[in-house]
């Protein structure tokens, strides 16, 4: 049996176990997905210990995505983003490497979610609201896929710092949000606004328009105020569960080498969110 899992703190709320186990069941794989909560200063040690325990792969969530960089050989994209959310022990188990490989599948979560909804990225103007972990993954993913990216953040300096690392990107505050949204083809909310307070939105309804595609990284609730008001404006909307799904799908494929059963994993995920 192959053991996969998730490290983070806390992880009790995670939707990854049912999503991944639905994938294993659909393909008839002898595998299980479990969760671990290392101490705050033990993330790198947990990654190193995984090899000794015979773990096949681990997802990594907050607050450890940066901490585990020192314990893996990061893929180029993960190194550029500065965060790892998927650890693959396959090369170690095969005797091909001393350390597991580290990937960032959050970026693929963005691009594959948009592709699933037939939203083009190449040549488009993209606005990413938020410069935290999700914002970094979104900005790099969209720029690498051919979009021109602007990062807007409540603290302008963080947006500018991120933009300086992303090819062709610009960054700034929220004071010109109306103009930025008006000029955008793609809008990604990479903040948590709308999660704990569902009546809140990162972008006022008056700014939204029908030529937008809007991806909200928030997945609980599935229909946020931003998405509801974007749909009312005629925009294409993509809820955060799609981003969550496809980052998991990407990890599943990295670990197993199989084409992930997207429909089965999506059904399991949405059953948990209902």
C-alpha atoms as a PDB file:
ATOM      1  CA  UNK A   1       0.000   0.000   0.000  1.00  0.00           C
ATOM      2  CA  UNK A   2       1.200   3.492  -0.861  1.00  0.00           C
ATOM      3  CA  UNK A   3       0.712   6.119   1.808  1.00  0.00           C
ATOM      4  CA  UNK A   4       0.141   9.738   0.835  1.00  0.00           C
ATOM      5  CA  UNK A   5      -0.836  12.565   3.101  1.00  0.00           C
ATOM      6  CA  UNK A   6      -0.905  16.154   4.207  1.00  0.00           C
ATOM      7  CA  UNK A   7       1.172  18.087   6.723  1.00  0.00           C
ATOM      8  CA  UNK A   8      -0.010  21.367   8.148  1.00  0.00           C
ATOM      9  CA  UNK A   9      -1.253  22.866  11.371  1.00  0.00           C
ATOM     10  CA  UNK A  10      -4.188  22.638  11.690  1.00  0.00           C
ATOM     11  CA  UNK A  11      -5.320  20.015   9.165  1.00  0.00           C
ATOM     12  CA  UNK A  12      -8.529  18.745  10.737  1.00  0.00           C
ATOM     13  CA  UNK A  13     -10.608  20.813   8.308  1.00  0.00           C
ATOM     14  CA  UNK A  14      -8.839  19.510   5.211  1.00  0.00           C
ATOM     15  CA  UNK A  15     -10.885  18.259   2.257  1.00  0.00           C
ATOM     16  CA  UNK A  16      -7.900  16.539   0.654  1.00  0.00           C
ATOM     17  CA  UNK A  17      -8.395  13.046   2.198  1.00  0.00           C
ATOM     18  CA  UNK A  18     -11.827  12.311   0.678  1.00  0.00           C
ATOM     19  CA  UNK A  19     -10.841  13.903  -2.625  1.00  0.00           C
ATOM     20  CA  UNK A  20      -7.664  11.848  -3.027  1.00  0.00           C
ATOM     21  CA  UNK A  21      -9.132   8.614  -1.704  1.00  0.00           C
ATOM     22  CA  UNK A  22     -11.959   8.918  -4.220  1.00  0.00           C
ATOM     23  CA  UNK A  23      -9.265   9.049  -6.889  1.00  0.00           C
ATOM     24  CA  UNK A  24      -7.513   5.945  -5.561  1.00  0.00           C
ATOM     25  CA  UNK A  25     -10.800   4.055  -5.430  1.00  0.00           C
ATOM     26  CA  UNK A  26     -11.785   5.089  -8.943  1.00  0.00           C
ATOM     27  CA  UNK A  27      -8.504   3.754 -10.363  1.00  0.00           C
ATOM     28  CA  UNK A  28      -8.264   0.731  -8.089  1.00  0.00           C
ATOM     29  CA  UNK A  29      -5.021   1.914  -6.492  1.00  0.00           C
ATOM     30  CA  UNK A  30      -3.875   0.358  -3.221  1.00  0.00           C
ATOM     31  CA  UNK A  31      -3.285   3.663  -1.428  1.00  0.00           C
ATOM     32  CA  UNK A  32      -4.411   5.732   1.523  1.00  0.00           C
ATOM     33  CA  UNK A  33      -4.280   9.456   2.328  1.00  0.00           C
ATOM     34  CA  UNK A  34      -3.698  10.568   5.918  1.00  0.00           C
ATOM     35  CA  UNK A  35      -3.018  13.838   7.759  1.00  0.00           C
ATOM     36  CA  UNK A  36      -0.173  14.918  10.054  1.00  0.00           C
ATOM     37  CA  UNK A  37       0.220  17.961  12.320  1.00  0.00           C
ATOM     38  CA  UNK A  38       3.927  18.560  13.045  1.00  0.00           C
ATOM     39  CA  UNK A  39       5.018  21.126  15.586  1.00  0.00           C
ATOM     40  CA  UNK A  40       5.628  24.613  14.231  1.00  0.00           C
ATOM     41  CA  UNK A  41       9.395  24.117  13.985  1.00  0.00           C
ATOM     42  CA  UNK A  42       9.351  20.505  12.769  1.00  0.00           C
ATOM     43  CA  UNK A  43       8.125  20.730   9.170  1.00  0.00           C
ATOM     44  CA  UNK A  44      11.507  20.099   7.540  1.00  0.00           C
ATOM     45  CA  UNK A  45      12.180  17.203   9.919  1.00  0.00           C
ATOM     46  CA  UNK A  46       8.780  15.729   9.063  1.00  0.00           C
ATOM     47  CA  UNK A  47       9.628  15.831   5.357  1.00  0.00           C
ATOM     48  CA  UNK A  48      12.956  14.124   5.996  1.00  0.00           C
ATOM     49  CA  UNK A  49      11.302  11.522   8.212  1.00  0.00           C
ATOM     50  CA  UNK A  50       8.749  10.717   5.550  1.00  0.00           C
ATOM     51  CA  UNK A  51      11.382   8.973   3.462  1.00  0.00           C
ATOM     52  CA  UNK A  52      12.368   6.729   6.376  1.00  0.00           C
ATOM     53  CA  UNK A  53       8.705   5.845   6.959  1.00  0.00           C
ATOM     54  CA  UNK A  54       8.168   4.894   3.329  1.00  0.00           C
ATOM     55  CA  UNK A  55       5.701   7.679   2.583  1.00  0.00           C
ATOM     56  CA  UNK A  56       5.062   8.013  -1.156  1.00  0.00           C
ATOM     57  CA  UNK A  57       4.021  11.658  -1.235  1.00  0.00           C
ATOM     58  CA  UNK A  58       2.892  14.557   0.917  1.00  0.00           C
ATOM     59  CA  UNK A  59       0.884  17.696   0.390  1.00  0.00           C
ATOM     60  CA  UNK A  60       1.948  20.709   2.431  1.00  0.00           C
ATOM     61  CA  UNK A  61      -0.359  23.446   3.654  1.00  0.00           C
ATOM     62  CA  UNK A  62      -0.125  26.465   5.946  1.00  0.00           C
ATOM     63  CA  UNK A  63       2.041  27.335   7.718  1.00  0.00           C
ATOM     64  CA  UNK A  64       4.716  25.084   6.222  1.00  0.00           C
ATOM     65  CA  UNK A  65       4.845  25.762   2.460  1.00  0.00           C
ATOM     66  CA  UNK A  66       8.000  27.876   2.755  1.00  0.00           C
ATOM     67  CA  UNK A  67       9.563  25.927   5.612  1.00  0.00           C
ATOM     68  CA  UNK A  68       9.868  22.689   3.647  1.00  0.00           C
ATOM     69  CA  UNK A  69      11.907  24.227   0.840  1.00  0.00           C
ATOM     70  CA  UNK A  70      15.100  23.393   2.719  1.00  0.00           C
ATOM     71  CA  UNK A  71      14.174  19.697   2.882  1.00  0.00           C
ATOM     72  CA  UNK A  72      13.448  19.092  -0.818  1.00  0.00           C
ATOM     73  CA  UNK A  73      14.886  19.589  -4.266  1.00  0.00           C
ATOM     74  CA  UNK A  74      12.361  22.142  -5.540  1.00  0.00           C
ATOM     75  CA  UNK A  75      11.130  22.189  -9.119  1.00  0.00           C
ATOM     76  CA  UNK A  76      11.946  25.469 -10.880  1.00  0.00           C
ATOM     77  CA  UNK A  77       8.403  26.832 -10.539  1.00  0.00           C
ATOM     78  CA  UNK A  78       8.226  26.002  -6.833  1.00  0.00           C
ATOM     79  CA  UNK A  79      11.572  27.716  -6.329  1.00  0.00           C
ATOM     80  CA  UNK A  80      10.385  30.834  -8.167  1.00  0.00           C
ATOM     81  CA  UNK A  81       7.137  30.975  -6.209  1.00  0.00           C
ATOM     82  CA  UNK A  82       9.052  30.305  -3.004  1.00  0.00           C
ATOM     83  CA  UNK A  83       6.658  27.669  -1.732  1.00  0.00           C
ATOM     84  CA  UNK A  84       6.135  23.902  -1.962  1.00  0.00           C
ATOM     85  CA  UNK A  85       2.753  22.257  -1.531  1.00  0.00           C
ATOM     86  CA  UNK A  86       3.532  18.807  -2.968  1.00  0.00           C
ATOM     87  CA  UNK A  87       6.423  16.539  -2.031  1.00  0.00           C
ATOM     88  CA  UNK A  88       7.224  13.507  -4.192  1.00  0.00           C
ATOM     89  CA  UNK A  89       9.294  10.711  -2.643  1.00  0.00           C
ATOM     90  CA  UNK A  90       9.318   8.689  -5.861  1.00  0.00           C
ATOM     91  CA  UNK A  91      12.929   9.552  -6.809  1.00  0.00           C
ATOM     92  CA  UNK A  92      14.112   8.688  -3.283  1.00  0.00           C
ATOM     93  CA  UNK A  93      12.265   5.352  -3.250  1.00  0.00           C
ATOM     94  CA  UNK A  94      13.745   4.513  -6.653  1.00  0.00           C
ATOM     95  CA  UNK A  95      17.260   5.298  -5.435  1.00  0.00           C
ATOM     96  CA  UNK A  96      17.582   8.159  -7.927  1.00  0.00           C
ATOM     97  CA  UNK A  97      17.856  11.033  -5.425  1.00  0.00           C
ATOM     98  CA  UNK A  98      18.806  11.717  -1.828  1.00  0.00           C
ATOM     99  CA  UNK A  99      15.997  14.169  -1.238  1.00  0.00           C
ATOM    100  CA  UNK A 100      12.363  14.217  -2.358  1.00  0.00           C
ATOM    101  CA  UNK A 101      11.265  16.556  -5.107  1.00  0.00           C
ATOM    102  CA  UNK A 102       9.170  19.593  -4.212  1.00  0.00           C
ATOM    103  CA  UNK A 103       6.438  21.009  -6.444  1.00  0.00           C
ATOM    104  CA  UNK A 104       3.927  23.831  -6.332  1.00  0.00           C
ATOM    105  CA  UNK A 105       0.636  22.606  -7.771  1.00  0.00           C
ATOM    106  CA  UNK A 106      -1.310  25.682  -6.647  1.00  0.00           C
ATOM    107  CA  UNK A 107      -0.211  27.324  -9.896  1.00  0.00           C
ATOM    108  CA  UNK A 108      -1.670  24.468 -11.927  1.00  0.00           C
ATOM    109  CA  UNK A 109      -4.806  24.776  -9.816  1.00  0.00           C
ATOM    110  CA  UNK A 110      -5.308  28.250 -11.263  1.00  0.00           C
ATOM    111  CA  UNK A 111      -4.573  27.480 -14.900  1.00  0.00           C
ATOM    112  CA  UNK A 112      -6.381  24.141 -15.011  1.00  0.00           C
ATOM    113  CA  UNK A 113      -9.464  25.568 -13.303  1.00  0.00           C
ATOM    114  CA  UNK A 114      -9.646  28.321 -15.917  1.00  0.00           C
ATOM    115  CA  UNK A 115      -8.992  25.893 -18.776  1.00  0.00           C
ATOM    116  CA  UNK A 116     -11.781  23.640 -17.510  1.00  0.00           C
ATOM    117  CA  UNK A 117     -14.147  26.584 -17.967  1.00  0.00           C
ATOM    118  CA  UNK A 118     -12.738  27.434 -21.424  1.00  0.00           C
ATOM    119  CA  UNK A 119     -11.186  30.663 -20.169  1.00  0.00           C
ATOM    120  CA  UNK A 120      -8.213  31.745 -22.277  1.00  0.00           C
ATOM    121  CA  UNK A 121      -5.133  33.148 -20.537  1.00  0.00           C
ATOM    122  CA  UNK A 122      -2.571  33.822 -23.248  1.00  0.00           C
ATOM    123  CA  UNK A 123      -2.594  37.458 -24.325  1.00  0.00           C
ATOM    124  CA  UNK A 124      -5.102  38.499 -21.657  1.00  0.00           C
ATOM    125  CA  UNK A 125      -4.835  41.200 -18.999  1.00  0.00           C
ATOM    126  CA  UNK A 126      -5.069  39.601 -15.571  1.00  0.00           C
ATOM    127  CA  UNK A 127      -5.657  41.281 -12.217  1.00  0.00           C
ATOM    128  CA  UNK A 128      -4.662  39.345  -9.102  1.00  0.00           C
ATOM    129  CA  UNK A 129      -6.011  40.749  -5.846  1.00  0.00           C
ATOM    130  CA  UNK A 130      -3.792  39.640  -2.988  1.00  0.00           C
ATOM    131  CA  UNK A 131      -0.043  39.117  -2.686  1.00  0.00           C
ATOM    132  CA  UNK A 132       0.084  36.230  -0.215  1.00  0.00           C
ATOM    133  CA  UNK A 133       0.707  32.578  -1.022  1.00  0.00           C
ATOM    134  CA  UNK A 134      -2.286  32.150  -3.317  1.00  0.00           C
ATOM    135  CA  UNK A 135      -1.507  35.463  -4.999  1.00  0.00           C
ATOM    136  CA  UNK A 136       2.079  34.427  -5.677  1.00  0.00           C
ATOM    137  CA  UNK A 137       0.987  31.140  -7.241  1.00  0.00           C
ATOM    138  CA  UNK A 138      -1.682  32.860  -9.340  1.00  0.00           C
ATOM    139  CA  UNK A 139       0.612  35.636 -10.550  1.00  0.00           C
ATOM    140  CA  UNK A 140       3.370  33.264 -11.680  1.00  0.00           C
ATOM    141  CA  UNK A 141       0.889  30.821 -13.216  1.00  0.00           C
ATOM    142  CA  UNK A 142      -0.909  33.479 -15.254  1.00  0.00           C
ATOM    143  CA  UNK A 143       2.292  35.193 -16.397  1.00  0.00           C
ATOM    144  CA  UNK A 144       3.839  31.883 -17.443  1.00  0.00           C
ATOM    145  CA  UNK A 145       0.669  31.126 -19.428  1.00  0.00           C
ATOM    146  CA  UNK A 146       1.024  34.374 -21.376  1.00  0.00           C
ATOM    147  CA  UNK A 147      -1.073  36.875 -19.449  1.00  0.00           C
ATOM    148  CA  UNK A 148      -0.021  40.401 -18.532  1.00  0.00           C
ATOM    149  CA  UNK A 149      -0.394  40.504 -14.751  1.00  0.00           C
ATOM    150  CA  UNK A 150      -1.127  43.318 -12.327  1.00  0.00           C
ATOM    151  CA  UNK A 151      -1.088  42.539  -8.603  1.00  0.00           C
ATOM    152  CA  UNK A 152      -3.220  44.689  -6.304  1.00  0.00           C
ATOM    153  CA  UNK A 153      -2.833  44.431  -2.562  1.00  0.00           C
ATOM    154  CA  UNK A 154      -3.949  46.297   0.530  1.00  0.00           C
ATOM    155  CA  UNK A 155      -0.267  46.820   1.335  1.00  0.00           C
ATOM    156  CA  UNK A 156       1.130  48.180  -1.965  1.00  0.00           C
ATOM    157  CA  UNK A 157       4.731  47.321  -1.148  1.00  0.00           C
ATOM    158  CA  UNK A 158       3.964  43.602  -1.047  1.00  0.00           C
ATOM    159  CA  UNK A 159       2.297  43.792  -4.450  1.00  0.00           C
ATOM    160  CA  UNK A 160       5.254  45.640  -5.930  1.00  0.00           C
ATOM    161  CA  UNK A 161       7.696  43.128  -4.424  1.00  0.00           C
ATOM    162  CA  UNK A 162       5.772  40.230  -5.946  1.00  0.00           C
ATOM    163  CA  UNK A 163       5.426  41.961  -9.300  1.00  0.00           C
ATOM    164  CA  UNK A 164       9.175  42.494  -9.485  1.00  0.00           C
ATOM    165  CA  UNK A 165       9.624  38.702  -9.380  1.00  0.00           C
ATOM    166  CA  UNK A 166       6.947  37.918 -11.986  1.00  0.00           C
ATOM    167  CA  UNK A 167       7.896  38.476 -15.651  1.00  0.00           C
ATOM    168  CA  UNK A 168       6.207  41.570 -17.066  1.00  0.00           C
ATOM    169  CA  UNK A 169       4.033  42.163 -14.011  1.00  0.00           C
ATOM    170  CA  UNK A 170       3.165  45.393 -12.226  1.00  0.00           C
ATOM    171  CA  UNK A 171       1.919  45.929  -8.711  1.00  0.00           C
ATOM    172  CA  UNK A 172       0.232  48.490  -6.511  1.00  0.00           C
ATOM    173  CA  UNK A 173      -2.472  49.219  -4.007  1.00  0.00           C
ATOM    174  CA  UNK A 174      -6.258  49.164  -4.153  1.00  0.00           C
ATOM    175  CA  UNK A 175      -6.857  52.853  -4.803  1.00  0.00           C
ATOM    176  CA  UNK A 176      -7.129  52.382  -8.598  1.00  0.00           C
ATOM    177  CA  UNK A 177      -9.050  49.112  -8.419  1.00  0.00           C
ATOM    178  CA  UNK A 178     -11.946  50.404 -10.533  1.00  0.00           C
ATOM    179  CA  UNK A 179      -9.646  51.260 -13.421  1.00  0.00           C
ATOM    180  CA  UNK A 180      -7.709  48.003 -13.100  1.00  0.00           C
ATOM    181  CA  UNK A 181     -10.866  45.863 -13.142  1.00  0.00           C
ATOM    182  CA  UNK A 182     -12.270  47.808 -16.090  1.00  0.00           C
ATOM    183  CA  UNK A 183      -9.140  47.009 -18.115  1.00  0.00           C
ATOM    184  CA  UNK A 184      -8.919  43.362 -17.070  1.00  0.00           C
ATOM    185  CA  UNK A 185     -10.005  40.204 -18.871  1.00  0.00           C
ATOM    186  CA  UNK A 186      -9.257  37.958 -15.882  1.00  0.00           C
ATOM    187  CA  UNK A 187      -9.764  38.671 -12.188  1.00  0.00           C
ATOM    188  CA  UNK A 188      -8.448  36.370  -9.468  1.00  0.00           C
ATOM    189  CA  UNK A 189      -9.333  36.938  -5.846  1.00  0.00           C
ATOM    190  CA  UNK A 190      -6.367  35.466  -3.994  1.00  0.00           C
ATOM    191  CA  UNK A 191      -7.400  36.847  -0.592  1.00  0.00           C
ATOM    192  CA  UNK A 192      -9.599  35.278   2.073  1.00  0.00           C
ATOM    193  CA  UNK A 193     -12.171  38.075   1.799  1.00  0.00           C
ATOM    194  CA  UNK A 194     -15.605  36.504   1.592  1.00  0.00           C
ATOM    195  CA  UNK A 195     -14.717  33.388   3.580  1.00  0.00           C
ATOM    196  CA  UNK A 196     -15.242  34.219   7.245  1.00  0.00           C
ATOM    197  CA  UNK A 197     -17.564  37.109   6.438  1.00  0.00           C
ATOM    198  CA  UNK A 198     -19.664  36.017   3.420  1.00  0.00           C
ATOM    199  CA  UNK A 199     -21.205  39.468   3.079  1.00  0.00           C
ATOM    200  CA  UNK A 200     -17.813  40.961   2.225  1.00  0.00           C
ATOM    201  CA  UNK A 201     -16.211  41.176  -1.212  1.00  0.00           C
ATOM    202  CA  UNK A 202     -12.745  42.245  -2.374  1.00  0.00           C
ATOM    203  CA  UNK A 203     -14.138  43.995  -5.464  1.00  0.00           C
ATOM    204  CA  UNK A 204     -17.260  46.202  -5.403  1.00  0.00           C
ATOM    205  CA  UNK A 205     -20.061  45.110  -7.727  1.00  0.00           C
ATOM    206  CA  UNK A 206     -19.948  48.434  -9.575  1.00  0.00           C
ATOM    207  CA  UNK A 207     -16.450  47.576 -10.888  1.00  0.00           C
ATOM    208  CA  UNK A 208     -17.435  44.236 -12.438  1.00  0.00           C
ATOM    209  CA  UNK A 209     -18.352  43.796 -16.090  1.00  0.00           C
ATOM    210  CA  UNK A 210     -19.479  41.160 -18.548  1.00  0.00           C
ATOM    211  CA  UNK A 211     -16.135  40.770 -20.323  1.00  0.00           C
ATOM    212  CA  UNK A 212     -14.478  39.394 -17.197  1.00  0.00           C
ATOM    213  CA  UNK A 213     -13.681  35.860 -16.120  1.00  0.00           C
ATOM    214  CA  UNK A 214     -13.567  35.768 -12.306  1.00  0.00           C
ATOM    215  CA  UNK A 215     -11.829  33.069 -10.261  1.00  0.00           C
ATOM    216  CA  UNK A 216     -12.299  33.256  -6.502  1.00  0.00           C
ATOM    217  CA  UNK A 217      -9.803  31.221  -4.475  1.00  0.00           C
ATOM    218  CA  UNK A 218     -12.318  31.092  -1.594  1.00  0.00           C
ATOM    219  CA  UNK A 219     -14.178  27.763  -1.660  1.00  0.00           C
ATOM    220  CA  UNK A 220     -16.249  27.983   1.516  1.00  0.00           C
ATOM    221  CA  UNK A 221     -18.785  29.220   0.716  1.00  0.00           C
ATOM    222  CA  UNK A 222     -18.666  27.979  -2.860  1.00  0.00           C
ATOM    223  CA  UNK A 223     -20.736  30.900  -4.097  1.00  0.00           C
ATOM    224  CA  UNK A 224     -19.141  34.004  -2.647  1.00  0.00           C
ATOM    225  CA  UNK A 225     -20.566  37.468  -2.910  1.00  0.00           C
ATOM    226  CA  UNK A 226     -17.895  38.282  -5.495  1.00  0.00           C
ATOM    227  CA  UNK A 227     -18.958  35.390  -7.727  1.00  0.00           C
ATOM    228  CA  UNK A 228     -22.649  36.124  -7.298  1.00  0.00           C
ATOM    229  CA  UNK A 229     -22.224  39.756  -8.256  1.00  0.00           C
ATOM    230  CA  UNK A 230     -19.848  38.869 -11.102  1.00  0.00           C
ATOM    231  CA  UNK A 231     -22.457  36.500 -12.533  1.00  0.00           C
ATOM    232  CA  UNK A 232     -25.067  39.250 -12.239  1.00  0.00           C
ATOM    233  CA  UNK A 233     -22.744  41.482 -14.292  1.00  0.00           C
ATOM    234  CA  UNK A 234     -22.519  38.807 -17.001  1.00  0.00           C
ATOM    235  CA  UNK A 235     -19.005  37.609 -16.164  1.00  0.00           C
ATOM    236  CA  UNK A 236     -17.784  34.027 -16.395  1.00  0.00           C
ATOM    237  CA  UNK A 237     -17.316  32.703 -12.862  1.00  0.00           C
ATOM    238  CA  UNK A 238     -15.078  29.945 -11.506  1.00  0.00           C
ATOM    239  CA  UNK A 239     -15.478  28.994  -7.852  1.00  0.00           C
ATOM    240  CA  UNK A 240     -12.565  28.201  -5.569  1.00  0.00           C
ATOM    241  CA  UNK A 241     -13.408  24.508  -5.321  1.00  0.00           C
ATOM    242  CA  UNK A 242     -12.168  24.132  -8.898  1.00  0.00           C
ATOM    243  CA  UNK A 243      -8.792  25.579  -7.931  1.00  0.00           C
ATOM    244  CA  UNK A 244      -8.670  23.283  -4.887  1.00  0.00           C
ATOM    245  CA  UNK A 245      -9.630  20.319  -7.051  1.00  0.00           C
ATOM    246  CA  UNK A 246      -7.053  20.882  -9.749  1.00  0.00           C
ATOM    247  CA  UNK A 247      -4.141  21.497  -7.392  1.00  0.00           C
ATOM    248  CA  UNK A 248      -5.034  18.106  -5.926  1.00  0.00           C
ATOM    249  CA  UNK A 249      -5.408  16.557  -9.370  1.00  0.00           C
ATOM    250  CA  UNK A 250      -1.952  17.826 -10.304  1.00  0.00           C
ATOM    251  CA  UNK A 251      -0.442  16.362  -7.117  1.00  0.00           C
ATOM    252  CA  UNK A 252      -2.217  13.047  -7.735  1.00  0.00           C
ATOM    253  CA  UNK A 253      -0.686  12.855 -11.210  1.00  0.00           C
ATOM    254  CA  UNK A 254       2.803  13.809  -9.976  1.00  0.00           C
ATOM    255  CA  UNK A 255       2.694  11.012  -7.404  1.00  0.00           C
ATOM    256  CA  UNK A 256       1.017   8.201  -9.311  1.00  0.00           C
ATOM    257  CA  UNK A 257       1.932   8.870 -12.938  1.00  0.00           C
ATOM    258  CA  UNK A 258      -1.735   8.200 -13.737  1.00  0.00           C
ATOM    259  CA  UNK A 259      -4.303  10.496 -15.311  1.00  0.00           C
ATOM    260  CA  UNK A 260      -6.403  11.597 -12.360  1.00  0.00           C
ATOM    261  CA  UNK A 261     -10.118  10.696 -12.335  1.00  0.00           C
ATOM    262  CA  UNK A 262     -11.245  14.317 -12.197  1.00  0.00           C
ATOM    263  CA  UNK A 263     -14.969  13.609 -12.070  1.00  0.00           C
ATOM    264  CA  UNK A 264     -14.683  11.222  -9.125  1.00  0.00           C
ATOM    265  CA  UNK A 265     -12.413  13.578  -7.189  1.00  0.00           C
ATOM    266  CA  UNK A 266     -14.666  16.537  -7.924  1.00  0.00           C
ATOM    267  CA  UNK A 267     -17.776  14.667  -6.769  1.00  0.00           C
ATOM    268  CA  UNK A 268     -16.112  13.725  -3.489  1.00  0.00           C
ATOM    269  CA  UNK A 269     -14.903  17.269  -2.910  1.00  0.00           C
ATOM    270  CA  UNK A 270     -18.264  18.890  -3.583  1.00  0.00           C
ATOM    271  CA  UNK A 271     -20.065  16.325  -1.430  1.00  0.00           C
ATOM    272  CA  UNK A 272     -17.923  17.533   1.483  1.00  0.00           C
ATOM    273  CA  UNK A 273     -18.656  21.189   0.686  1.00  0.00           C
ATOM    274  CA  UNK A 274     -22.450  20.804   0.506  1.00  0.00           C
END
